[in-house]
C-alpha atoms as a PDB file:
ATOM      1  CA  MET A   1       8.653  18.573  58.768  1.00  0.00           C
ATOM      2  CA  THR A   2       8.777  17.094  55.277  1.00  0.00           C
ATOM      3  CA  THR A   3       6.265  14.917  53.497  1.00  0.00           C
ATOM      4  CA  GLU A   4       6.697  12.318  50.781  1.00  0.00           C
ATOM      5  CA  MET A   5       4.849  12.674  47.504  1.00  0.00           C
ATOM      6  CA  SER A   6       2.934  10.184  45.462  1.00  0.00           C
ATOM      7  CA  PRO A   7       1.154  10.325  42.111  1.00  0.00           C
ATOM      8  CA  GLU A   8      -2.204  10.105  43.884  1.00  0.00           C
ATOM      9  CA  SER A   9      -1.479  13.121  46.041  1.00  0.00           C
ATOM     10  CA  VAL A  10      -0.041  15.325  43.325  1.00  0.00           C
ATOM     11  CA  SER A  11      -1.742  14.501  40.046  1.00  0.00           C
ATOM     12  CA  GLY A  12      -4.953  16.083  38.923  1.00  0.00           C
ATOM     13  CA  PRO A  13      -7.170  16.500  35.888  1.00  0.00           C
ATOM     14  CA  SER A  14      -5.004  19.231  34.362  1.00  0.00           C
ATOM     15  CA  SER A  15      -1.679  20.984  34.705  1.00  0.00           C
ATOM     16  CA  THR A  16      -3.374  23.841  36.534  1.00  0.00           C
ATOM     17  CA  ASP A  17      -4.772  21.553  39.219  1.00  0.00           C
ATOM     18  CA  GLN A  18      -3.436  22.552  42.624  1.00  0.00           C
ATOM     19  CA  SER A  19      -4.029  19.302  44.484  1.00  0.00           C
ATOM     20  CA  GLY A  20      -0.819  17.885  45.878  1.00  0.00           C
ATOM     21  CA  PRO A  21       1.290  17.196  48.940  1.00  0.00           C
ATOM     22  CA  GLU A  22       1.340  19.380  51.978  1.00  0.00           C
ATOM     23  CA  SER A  23       3.694  22.339  51.837  1.00  0.00           C
ATOM     24  CA  PHE A  24       7.342  21.693  52.642  1.00  0.00           C
ATOM     25  CA  SER A  25      10.235  24.085  52.988  1.00  0.00           C
ATOM     26  CA  THR A  26      13.142  21.783  52.175  1.00  0.00           C
ATOM     27  CA  THR A  27      13.957  19.236  49.503  1.00  0.00           C
ATOM     28  CA  ALA A  28      15.406  16.847  52.095  1.00  0.00           C
ATOM     29  CA  SER A  29      13.513  13.919  53.582  1.00  0.00           C
ATOM     30  CA  LYS A  30      14.216  10.629  55.334  1.00  0.00           C
ATOM     31  CA  VAL A  31      14.351   8.918  51.936  1.00  0.00           C
ATOM     32  CA  THR A  32      16.906  11.337  50.510  1.00  0.00           C
ATOM     33  CA  THR A  33      18.988  11.107  53.686  1.00  0.00           C
ATOM     34  CA  VAL A  34      19.163   7.324  53.404  1.00  0.00           C
ATOM     35  CA  LEU A  35      19.863   7.510  49.668  1.00  0.00           C
ATOM     36  CA  GLY A  36      22.592  10.068  50.277  1.00  0.00           C
ATOM     37  CA  TRP A  37      24.444   7.911  52.791  1.00  0.00           C
ATOM     38  CA  LEU A  38      24.043   4.811  50.623  1.00  0.00           C
ATOM     39  CA  SER A  39      25.400   6.731  47.650  1.00  0.00           C
ATOM     40  CA  LEU A  40      28.460   7.852  49.591  1.00  0.00           C
ATOM     41  CA  ALA A  41      29.082   4.330  50.891  1.00  0.00           C
ATOM     42  CA  SER A  42      28.786   2.773  47.437  1.00  0.00           C
ATOM     43  CA  ILE A  43      31.033   5.438  45.896  1.00  0.00           C
ATOM     44  CA  ALA A  44      33.665   4.727  48.562  1.00  0.00           C
ATOM     45  CA  ALA A  45      33.454   0.997  47.825  1.00  0.00           C
ATOM     46  CA  LEU A  46      33.701   1.720  44.079  1.00  0.00           C
ATOM     47  CA  LEU A  47      36.855   3.778  44.585  1.00  0.00           C
ATOM     48  CA  ALA A  48      38.404   1.009  46.670  1.00  0.00           C
ATOM     49  CA  PHE A  49      37.651  -1.746  44.171  1.00  0.00           C
ATOM     50  CA  GLY A  50      38.025   0.319  41.003  1.00  0.00           C
ATOM     51  CA  LEU A  51      41.320   1.985  41.867  1.00  0.00           C
ATOM     52  CA  LEU A  52      43.025  -0.353  44.333  1.00  0.00           C
ATOM     53  CA  ILE A  53      41.718  -3.914  44.193  1.00  0.00           C
ATOM     54  CA  SER A  54      40.878  -4.583  40.524  1.00  0.00           C
ATOM     55  CA  PRO A  55      43.912  -5.196  38.280  1.00  0.00           C
ATOM     56  CA  PRO A  56      44.743  -3.445  34.994  1.00  0.00           C
ATOM     57  CA  GLU A  57      43.269  -5.015  31.867  1.00  0.00           C
ATOM     58  CA  ILE A  58      45.639  -6.920  29.574  1.00  0.00           C
ATOM     59  CA  SER A  59      45.159  -4.766  26.459  1.00  0.00           C
ATOM     60  CA  GLN A  60      43.745  -1.519  27.880  1.00  0.00           C
ATOM     61  CA  GLY A  61      45.901  -1.293  30.982  1.00  0.00           C
ATOM     62  CA  GLU A  62      44.929   1.275  33.612  1.00  0.00           C
ATOM     63  CA  SER A  63      42.429   3.009  31.314  1.00  0.00           C
ATOM     64  CA  VAL A  64      39.993   0.149  31.896  1.00  0.00           C
ATOM     65  CA  ARG A  65      39.135   1.782  35.232  1.00  0.00           C
ATOM     66  CA  LEU A  66      37.063   4.320  33.299  1.00  0.00           C
ATOM     67  CA  PHE A  67      34.830   1.404  32.350  1.00  0.00           C
ATOM     68  CA  TYR A  68      33.537   1.219  35.931  1.00  0.00           C
ATOM     69  CA  ILE A  69      31.955   4.671  35.673  1.00  0.00           C
ATOM     70  CA  HIS A  70      31.500   5.174  31.914  1.00  0.00           C
ATOM     71  CA  VAL A  71      29.266   2.195  31.219  1.00  0.00           C
ATOM     72  CA  PRO A  72      27.163   2.491  34.427  1.00  0.00           C
ATOM     73  CA  SER A  73      26.634   6.184  33.684  1.00  0.00           C
ATOM     74  CA  ALA A  74      25.438   5.332  30.168  1.00  0.00           C
ATOM     75  CA  ILE A  75      23.056   2.689  31.535  1.00  0.00           C
ATOM     76  CA  VAL A  76      21.608   5.075  34.120  1.00  0.00           C
ATOM     77  CA  CYS A  77      20.945   7.939  31.712  1.00  0.00           C
ATOM     78  CA  LEU A  78      19.902   6.000  28.601  1.00  0.00           C
ATOM     79  CA  TYR A  79      17.931   3.159  30.157  1.00  0.00           C
ATOM     80  CA  ILE A  80      16.659   4.671  33.414  1.00  0.00           C
ATOM     81  CA  ALA A  81      16.551   8.471  33.261  1.00  0.00           C
ATOM     82  CA  PHE A  82      15.183   8.883  29.751  1.00  0.00           C
ATOM     83  CA  SER A  83      12.831   5.915  30.146  1.00  0.00           C
ATOM     84  CA  ILE A  84      11.290   7.704  33.129  1.00  0.00           C
ATOM     85  CA  THR A  85      10.997  10.855  31.010  1.00  0.00           C
ATOM     86  CA  PHE A  86       9.295   8.844  28.262  1.00  0.00           C
ATOM     87  CA  VAL A  87       6.811   7.221  30.654  1.00  0.00           C
ATOM     88  CA  GLY A  88       6.140  10.514  32.425  1.00  0.00           C
ATOM     89  CA  SER A  89       5.541  12.256  29.089  1.00  0.00           C
ATOM     90  CA  VAL A  90       3.093   9.600  27.910  1.00  0.00           C
ATOM     91  CA  ILE A  91       1.144   9.706  31.174  1.00  0.00           C
ATOM     92  CA  TYR A  92       1.102  13.499  31.144  1.00  0.00           C
ATOM     93  CA  LEU A  93      -0.419  13.587  27.660  1.00  0.00           C
ATOM     94  CA  ARG A  94      -3.076  11.099  28.783  1.00  0.00           C
ATOM     95  CA  LYS A  95      -3.937  12.577  32.184  1.00  0.00           C
ATOM     96  CA  GLN A  96      -2.259  16.020  32.268  1.00  0.00           C
ATOM     97  CA  SER A  97      -0.855  15.117  35.677  1.00  0.00           C
ATOM     98  CA  VAL A  98       1.403  17.741  37.240  1.00  0.00           C
ATOM     99  CA  PHE A  99       3.232  14.993  39.129  1.00  0.00           C
ATOM    100  CA  TRP A 100       4.289  13.092  36.011  1.00  0.00           C
ATOM    101  CA  ASP A 101       5.155  16.260  34.119  1.00  0.00           C
ATOM    102  CA  LEU A 102       7.544  17.305  36.888  1.00  0.00           C
ATOM    103  CA  VAL A 103       8.949  13.779  37.267  1.00  0.00           C
ATOM    104  CA  ALA A 104       9.662  13.634  33.527  1.00  0.00           C
ATOM    105  CA  GLY A 105      11.434  16.988  33.658  1.00  0.00           C
ATOM    106  CA  ALA A 106      13.470  16.182  36.761  1.00  0.00           C
ATOM    107  CA  SER A 107      14.604  12.836  35.363  1.00  0.00           C
ATOM    108  CA  ALA A 108      15.575  14.391  32.015  1.00  0.00           C
ATOM    109  CA  GLU A 109      17.551  17.166  33.696  1.00  0.00           C
ATOM    110  CA  VAL A 110      19.613  14.751  35.797  1.00  0.00           C
ATOM    111  CA  GLY A 111      19.832  12.364  32.839  1.00  0.00           C
ATOM    112  CA  VAL A 112      21.425  15.078  30.676  1.00  0.00           C
ATOM    113  CA  VAL A 113      24.079  15.608  33.355  1.00  0.00           C
ATOM    114  CA  PHE A 114      24.807  11.870  33.385  1.00  0.00           C
ATOM    115  CA  LEU A 115      24.859  11.778  29.579  1.00  0.00           C
ATOM    116  CA  GLY A 116      27.376  14.619  29.502  1.00  0.00           C
ATOM    117  CA  PHE A 117      29.466  12.673  32.011  1.00  0.00           C
ATOM    118  CA  THR A 118      29.154   9.585  29.795  1.00  0.00           C
ATOM    119  CA  LEU A 119      30.410  11.468  26.745  1.00  0.00           C
ATOM    120  CA  ALA A 120      33.298  13.018  28.711  1.00  0.00           C
ATOM    121  CA  THR A 121      34.495   9.724  30.203  1.00  0.00           C
ATOM    122  CA  GLY A 122      34.068   8.037  26.826  1.00  0.00           C
ATOM    123  CA  MET A 123      36.347  10.624  25.237  1.00  0.00           C
ATOM    124  CA  LEU A 124      38.960  10.114  27.963  1.00  0.00           C
ATOM    125  CA  TRP A 125      38.717   6.358  27.417  1.00  0.00           C
ATOM    126  CA  GLY A 126      38.859   6.720  23.641  1.00  0.00           C
ATOM    127  CA  LYS A 127      42.199   8.557  23.596  1.00  0.00           C
ATOM    128  CA  PRO A 128      44.366   5.647  24.839  1.00  0.00           C
ATOM    129  CA  THR A 129      42.124   3.029  23.190  1.00  0.00           C
ATOM    130  CA  TRP A 130      41.549   4.521  19.718  1.00  0.00           C
ATOM    131  CA  GLY A 131      44.240   7.211  19.692  1.00  0.00           C
ATOM    132  CA  THR A 132      41.708  10.049  19.525  1.00  0.00           C
ATOM    133  CA  TYR A 133      39.237  11.699  21.863  1.00  0.00           C
ATOM    134  CA  TRP A 134      36.422  11.717  19.327  1.00  0.00           C
ATOM    135  CA  THR A 135      35.457   9.984  16.116  1.00  0.00           C
ATOM    136  CA  TRP A 136      32.175  10.065  14.239  1.00  0.00           C
ATOM    137  CA  ASP A 137      31.451   6.490  15.197  1.00  0.00           C
ATOM    138  CA  PRO A 138      27.733   5.509  14.910  1.00  0.00           C
ATOM    139  CA  ARG A 139      27.292   4.987  18.639  1.00  0.00           C
ATOM    140  CA  LEU A 140      29.169   8.146  19.602  1.00  0.00           C
ATOM    141  CA  THR A 141      27.295  10.194  17.020  1.00  0.00           C
ATOM    142  CA  SER A 142      23.864   8.885  18.000  1.00  0.00           C
ATOM    143  CA  THR A 143      24.680   9.471  21.667  1.00  0.00           C
ATOM    144  CA  ALA A 144      25.693  13.057  20.911  1.00  0.00           C
ATOM    145  CA  VAL A 145      22.397  13.491  19.041  1.00  0.00           C
ATOM    146  CA  SER A 146      20.515  12.358  22.150  1.00  0.00           C
ATOM    147  CA  PHE A 147      22.432  14.884  24.213  1.00  0.00           C
ATOM    148  CA  VAL A 148      21.295  17.671  21.878  1.00  0.00           C
ATOM    149  CA  LEU A 149      17.698  16.377  21.773  1.00  0.00           C
ATOM    150  CA  TYR A 150      17.326  16.327  25.538  1.00  0.00           C
ATOM    151  CA  LEU A 151      18.965  19.735  25.861  1.00  0.00           C
ATOM    152  CA  GLY A 152      16.237  20.886  23.501  1.00  0.00           C
ATOM    153  CA  TYR A 153      13.645  19.178  25.695  1.00  0.00           C
ATOM    154  CA  LEU A 154      14.914  21.087  28.725  1.00  0.00           C
ATOM    155  CA  ALA A 155      14.920  24.330  26.718  1.00  0.00           C
ATOM    156  CA  VAL A 156      11.259  23.808  25.788  1.00  0.00           C
ATOM    157  CA  ARG A 157      10.406  23.369  29.456  1.00  0.00           C
ATOM    158  CA  ARG A 158      11.851  26.847  30.095  1.00  0.00           C
ATOM    159  CA  LEU A 159       9.855  28.655  27.405  1.00  0.00           C
ATOM    160  CA  ASP A 160       7.871  31.666  28.573  1.00  0.00           C
ATOM    161  CA  MET A 161       4.391  30.572  27.509  1.00  0.00           C
ATOM    162  CA  ASP A 162       1.189  29.002  28.785  1.00  0.00           C
ATOM    163  CA  PRO A 163       2.260  26.229  31.240  1.00  0.00           C
ATOM    164  CA  VAL A 164      -0.158  23.648  29.834  1.00  0.00           C
ATOM    165  CA  ALA A 165       0.930  24.200  26.226  1.00  0.00           C
ATOM    166  CA  ARG A 166       4.589  24.228  27.313  1.00  0.00           C
ATOM    167  CA  SER A 167       4.245  20.913  29.155  1.00  0.00           C
ATOM    168  CA  LYS A 168       2.454  19.326  26.196  1.00  0.00           C
ATOM    169  CA  ARG A 169       5.175  20.381  23.772  1.00  0.00           C
ATOM    170  CA  ALA A 170       7.862  19.117  26.126  1.00  0.00           C
ATOM    171  CA  ALA A 171       6.050  15.792  26.537  1.00  0.00           C
ATOM    172  CA  ILE A 172       5.840  15.329  22.768  1.00  0.00           C
ATOM    173  CA  LEU A 173       9.553  16.065  22.412  1.00  0.00           C
ATOM    174  CA  GLY A 174      10.306  13.697  25.301  1.00  0.00           C
ATOM    175  CA  ILE A 175       8.542  10.896  23.443  1.00  0.00           C
ATOM    176  CA  ILE A 176      10.192  11.674  20.102  1.00  0.00           C
ATOM    177  CA  SER A 177      13.663  11.896  21.666  1.00  0.00           C
ATOM    178  CA  PHE A 178      13.264   8.433  23.182  1.00  0.00           C
ATOM    179  CA  ALA A 179      13.234   6.878  19.693  1.00  0.00           C
ATOM    180  CA  ASN A 180      16.902   7.778  19.238  1.00  0.00           C
ATOM    181  CA  LEU A 181      17.803   5.540  22.188  1.00  0.00           C
ATOM    182  CA  ILE A 182      16.867   2.536  20.052  1.00  0.00           C
ATOM    183  CA  ILE A 183      19.415   3.669  17.464  1.00  0.00           C
ATOM    184  CA  ILE A 184      22.055   4.000  20.193  1.00  0.00           C
ATOM    185  CA  ARG A 185      21.281   0.525  21.494  1.00  0.00           C
ATOM    186  CA  TYR A 186      21.665  -1.228  18.128  1.00  0.00           C
ATOM    187  CA  SER A 187      24.129   1.101  16.382  1.00  0.00           C
ATOM    188  CA  VAL A 188      27.068  -1.255  16.897  1.00  0.00           C
ATOM    189  CA  ALA A 189      25.146  -4.115  15.274  1.00  0.00           C
ATOM    190  CA  TRP A 190      23.620  -2.055  12.451  1.00  0.00           C
ATOM    191  CA  TRP A 191      26.794  -0.287  11.301  1.00  0.00           C
ATOM    192  CA  ARG A 192      30.517  -0.954  11.298  1.00  0.00           C
ATOM    193  CA  SER A 193      31.693   0.616  14.526  1.00  0.00           C
ATOM    194  CA  LEU A 194      34.878   1.180  16.480  1.00  0.00           C
ATOM    195  CA  HIS A 195      32.855   0.992  19.661  1.00  0.00           C
ATOM    196  CA  GLN A 196      32.971  -2.378  21.359  1.00  0.00           C
ATOM    197  CA  GLY A 197      29.865  -4.503  21.619  1.00  0.00           C
ATOM    198  CA  THR A 198      28.447  -6.115  24.728  1.00  0.00           C
ATOM    199  CA  THR A 199      31.174  -6.426  27.339  1.00  0.00           C
ATOM    200  CA  LEU A 200      29.006  -8.303  29.829  1.00  0.00           C
ATOM    201  CA  ASP A 201      28.172 -11.240  27.594  1.00  0.00           C
ATOM    202  CA  PRO A 202      26.958 -14.065  29.903  1.00  0.00           C
ATOM    203  CA  ARG A 203      28.987 -16.553  27.857  1.00  0.00           C
ATOM    204  CA  ASP A 204      32.212 -14.523  28.057  1.00  0.00           C
ATOM    205  CA  THR A 205      32.290 -11.481  30.330  1.00  0.00           C
ATOM    206  CA  GLN A 206      35.937 -10.679  29.489  1.00  0.00           C
ATOM    207  CA  LEU A 207      36.240  -9.479  33.111  1.00  0.00           C
ATOM    208  CA  ASP A 208      37.642 -11.171  36.182  1.00  0.00           C
ATOM    209  CA  ASP A 209      35.806 -11.253  39.515  1.00  0.00           C
ATOM    210  CA  SER A 210      37.211  -8.014  40.935  1.00  0.00           C
ATOM    211  CA  MET A 211      36.435  -6.190  37.689  1.00  0.00           C
ATOM    212  CA  LEU A 212      32.858  -7.448  37.753  1.00  0.00           C
ATOM    213  CA  VAL A 213      32.474  -6.331  41.367  1.00  0.00           C
ATOM    214  CA  SER A 214      33.863  -2.893  40.452  1.00  0.00           C
ATOM    215  CA  PHE A 215      31.441  -2.589  37.543  1.00  0.00           C
ATOM    216  CA  PHE A 216      28.391  -3.510  39.600  1.00  0.00           C
ATOM    217  CA  LEU A 217      29.506  -1.200  42.398  1.00  0.00           C
ATOM    218  CA  GLY A 218      29.684   1.567  39.801  1.00  0.00           C
ATOM    219  CA  LEU A 219      26.181   0.726  38.608  1.00  0.00           C
ATOM    220  CA  VAL A 220      24.809   0.737  42.164  1.00  0.00           C
ATOM    221  CA  ALA A 221      26.639   3.948  43.113  1.00  0.00           C
ATOM    222  CA  LEU A 222      25.490   5.905  40.069  1.00  0.00           C
ATOM    223  CA  SER A 223      21.926   4.551  40.288  1.00  0.00           C
ATOM    224  CA  LEU A 224      21.634   5.632  43.928  1.00  0.00           C
ATOM    225  CA  THR A 225      23.144   9.016  43.130  1.00  0.00           C
ATOM    226  CA  PHE A 226      20.708   9.434  40.248  1.00  0.00           C
ATOM    227  CA  ALA A 227      17.730   8.619  42.486  1.00  0.00           C
ATOM    228  CA  TRP A 228      18.963  11.056  45.147  1.00  0.00           C
ATOM    229  CA  LEU A 229      19.364  13.857  42.616  1.00  0.00           C
ATOM    230  CA  VAL A 230      16.016  13.241  40.904  1.00  0.00           C
ATOM    231  CA  ILE A 231      14.070  13.350  44.162  1.00  0.00           C
ATOM    232  CA  HIS A 232      15.719  16.621  45.145  1.00  0.00           C
ATOM    233  CA  ARG A 233      15.167  18.101  41.676  1.00  0.00           C
ATOM    234  CA  PHE A 234      11.533  17.017  41.662  1.00  0.00           C
ATOM    235  CA  ARG A 235      10.884  18.654  45.007  1.00  0.00           C
ATOM    236  CA  VAL A 236      12.497  21.885  43.788  1.00  0.00           C
ATOM    237  CA  ALA A 237      10.247  21.748  40.711  1.00  0.00           C
ATOM    238  CA  TRP A 238       7.202  21.179  42.905  1.00  0.00           C
ATOM    239  CA  LEU A 239       8.104  24.196  45.048  1.00  0.00           C
ATOM    240  CA  GLU A 240       8.449  26.276  41.882  1.00  0.00           C
ATOM    241  CA  HIS A 241       5.049  25.020  40.696  1.00  0.00           C
ATOM    242  CA  GLN A 242       3.452  25.927  44.023  1.00  0.00           C
ATOM    243  CA  LEU A 243       5.042  29.388  43.935  1.00  0.00           C
ATOM    244  CA  GLU A 244       3.745  30.030  40.426  1.00  0.00           C
ATOM    245  CA  ALA A 245       0.261  28.915  41.498  1.00  0.00           C
ATOM    246  CA  GLN A 246       0.337  31.201  44.539  1.00  0.00           C
ATOM    247  CA  GLN A 247       1.520  34.143  42.449  1.00  0.00           C
ATOM    248  CA  LEU A 248      -1.301  33.514  39.990  1.00  0.00           C
ATOM    249  CA  GLU A 249      -3.854  33.371  42.805  1.00  0.00           C
ATOM    250  CA  VAL A 250      -2.546  36.637  44.267  1.00  0.00           C
ATOM    251  CA  ALA A 251      -2.650  38.335  40.855  1.00  0.00           C
ATOM    252  CA  ILE A 252      -6.240  37.186  40.282  1.00  0.00           C
ATOM    253  CA  ALA A 253      -7.271  38.303  43.776  1.00  0.00           C
ATOM    254  CA  GLU A 254      -5.689  41.732  43.279  1.00  0.00           C
ATOM    255  CA  ARG A 255      -7.317  42.095  39.869  1.00  0.00           C
ATOM    256  CA  THR A 256     -10.700  41.102  41.291  1.00  0.00           C
ATOM    257  CA  ALA A 257     -10.347  43.464  44.247  1.00  0.00           C
ATOM    258  CA  SER A 258      -9.383  46.412  42.052  1.00  0.00           C
ATOM    259  CA  ALA A 259     -12.192  45.755  39.581  1.00  0.00           C
ATOM    260  CA  GLY A 260     -14.807  44.849  42.216  1.00  0.00           C
ATOM    261  CA  PRO A 261     -16.357  48.252  42.998  1.00  0.00           C
ATOM    262  CA  THR A 262     -16.375  49.278  39.332  1.00  0.00           C
ATOM    263  CA  GLY A 263     -18.036  46.028  38.408  1.00  0.00           C
ATOM    264  CA  LEU A 264     -20.690  46.443  41.087  1.00  0.00           C
ATOM    265  CA  ALA A 265     -21.389  50.001  40.010  1.00  0.00           C
ATOM    266  CA  ALA A 266     -21.755  48.957  36.419  1.00  0.00           C
ATOM    267  CA  GLY A 267     -24.064  46.132  37.449  1.00  0.00           C
ATOM    268  CA  GLY A 268     -26.219  48.526  39.481  1.00  0.00           C
ATOM    269  CA  ALA A 269     -26.493  50.978  36.586  1.00  0.00           C
END
């Protein structure tokens, strides 16, 4: 039987606080089951609209179909995943809540996967559009910098050191890394760029109805998939946290038991 987690049930006064949800032996739950089926359904609809129903674009031709996954993937990782990491990092530094520390880490880990996917699809799109897979365009460069920054964030979370100090360092890096997202957002306006500006301008979307439907289906599909992955990753992280806590308790108990008689004898002397 699985249980759902909430900040109230998991967070505590410090990273070593053991309050949290009841034990569970699987990362699956009713929520993840529903999200999984919704993700599959939305991906199927995206494939139908993106590959079969929507027409080629006048100037970009068939390559425009990458737009339906490239842009939604960028939105999910840059505006959702790393925003969650930023918020989780801020709250962790204020309250040292295990819940928010693990949420920030889970969201960043899935966000890095989505960002890698964004860079890969952007390169595939760039070849027929610009004639090259990569150019040191301001938006591409700043996006690549974010990829490296968040890889560094994940590396810090794996350091072999005191868990509280490790989480604090990761939280600080999570906050600093978020600043680069502002540069990504306005890079096209601040510098001369090959990268196109806002495609979904309310005054001129440049997309017909079927293209718009395909785009929004891509956004829904990738958002649901992101949520499904983050919940699973968080629950894995919580299991790891519980295991570390249990191992620490066992080590302390064994140390106390082995030193007990000696301590008593010394006290009696």
